[in-house]
Protein backbone atom coordinates (compact mmCIF):
# COMPACT_ATOMS: atom_id res chain seq x y z
CA MET A 1 0.00 0.00 0.00
CA ASP A 2 2.93 2.34 0.58
CA ASN A 3 4.45 3.87 -2.54
CA SER A 4 7.94 4.08 -1.03
CA ASN A 5 9.30 2.07 -3.98
CA ASN A 6 8.00 4.67 -6.45
CA ASN A 7 10.09 7.62 -5.26
CA ASP A 8 10.69 8.91 -8.81
CA GLN A 9 7.02 9.08 -9.82
CA PRO A 10 4.79 12.13 -9.39
CA PRO A 11 2.05 11.90 -6.76
CA THR A 12 -1.28 10.46 -7.87
CA LEU A 13 -4.53 12.42 -7.73
CA TRP A 14 -5.44 10.75 -4.41
CA GLN A 15 -2.02 11.57 -2.96
CA VAL A 16 -2.40 15.21 -4.06
CA LEU A 17 -5.89 15.37 -2.52
CA HIS A 18 -4.62 13.77 0.70
CA SER A 19 -1.69 16.20 0.84
CA VAL A 20 -3.94 19.23 0.32
CA MET A 21 -6.40 18.09 3.00
CA ALA A 22 -3.60 17.27 5.45
CA ALA A 23 -1.90 20.61 4.82
CA ALA A 24 -5.20 22.48 5.23
CA PHE A 25 -5.64 21.01 8.69
CA GLY A 26 -1.95 21.32 9.60
CA VAL A 27 -1.13 17.62 9.89
CA GLN A 28 0.99 17.07 6.76
CA SER A 29 3.84 14.61 7.36
CA GLY A 30 7.37 15.60 6.48
CA LYS A 31 7.78 12.59 4.19
CA ASN A 32 4.71 13.50 2.12
CA ARG A 33 5.64 17.18 2.04
CA ALA A 34 9.11 16.31 0.76
CA ARG A 35 7.59 14.01 -1.90
CA ASP A 36 5.21 16.78 -2.97
CA PHE A 37 7.97 19.38 -3.31
CA ARG A 38 10.31 16.97 -5.08
CA HIS A 39 7.92 15.40 -7.61
CA GLY A 40 4.63 17.30 -7.52
CA LYS A 41 3.47 19.90 -10.01
CA PRO A 42 2.45 23.20 -8.39
CA GLY A 43 -0.56 23.60 -10.69
CA GLN A 44 -2.10 20.39 -9.38
CA PHE A 45 -1.82 21.49 -5.77
CA ILE A 46 -3.11 24.98 -6.50
CA PHE A 47 -6.14 23.68 -8.40
CA ILE A 48 -7.02 21.01 -5.81
CA GLY A 49 -6.37 23.49 -2.97
CA VAL A 50 -8.69 26.14 -4.43
CA LEU A 51 -11.33 23.51 -5.17
CA PHE A 52 -11.05 22.06 -1.63
CA THR A 53 -11.26 25.52 -0.07
CA GLY A 54 -14.35 26.40 -2.10
CA ILE A 55 -16.10 23.17 -1.15
CA PHE A 56 -15.10 23.63 2.49
CA VAL A 57 -16.53 27.16 2.57
CA LEU A 58 -19.78 26.02 0.91
CA VAL A 59 -20.19 23.18 3.42
CA LEU A 60 -19.63 25.57 6.34
CA PHE A 61 -22.12 28.04 4.84
CA ALA A 62 -24.71 25.27 4.44
CA LEU A 63 -24.18 24.07 8.02
CA VAL A 64 -24.64 27.59 9.39
CA LYS A 65 -27.80 28.06 7.32
CA LEU A 66 -29.13 24.70 8.57
CA VAL A 67 -28.41 25.50 12.22
CA LEU A 68 -30.00 28.94 11.91
CA HIS A 69 -33.05 27.43 10.21
CA LEU A 70 -33.44 24.79 12.92
CA ALA A 71 -33.04 27.46 15.60
CA GLY A 72 -35.85 29.46 14.05
CA VAL A 73 -33.75 32.51 13.26
């Protein structure tokens, strides 16, 4: 399951998504961060990061609207 044998390959889409989510919450491991800087393409991380941030904001907005609706405000 570990891709430690594939050190020369760029990160997969799932690895990029995992790295962006881990970095967003401040729990990115040093090994993954080093892999991302060594083999990752910045455009991938920027695109996934902006997409993740947008979805995160929309989910928070929806949760606030739901709580306010249930509270009768």
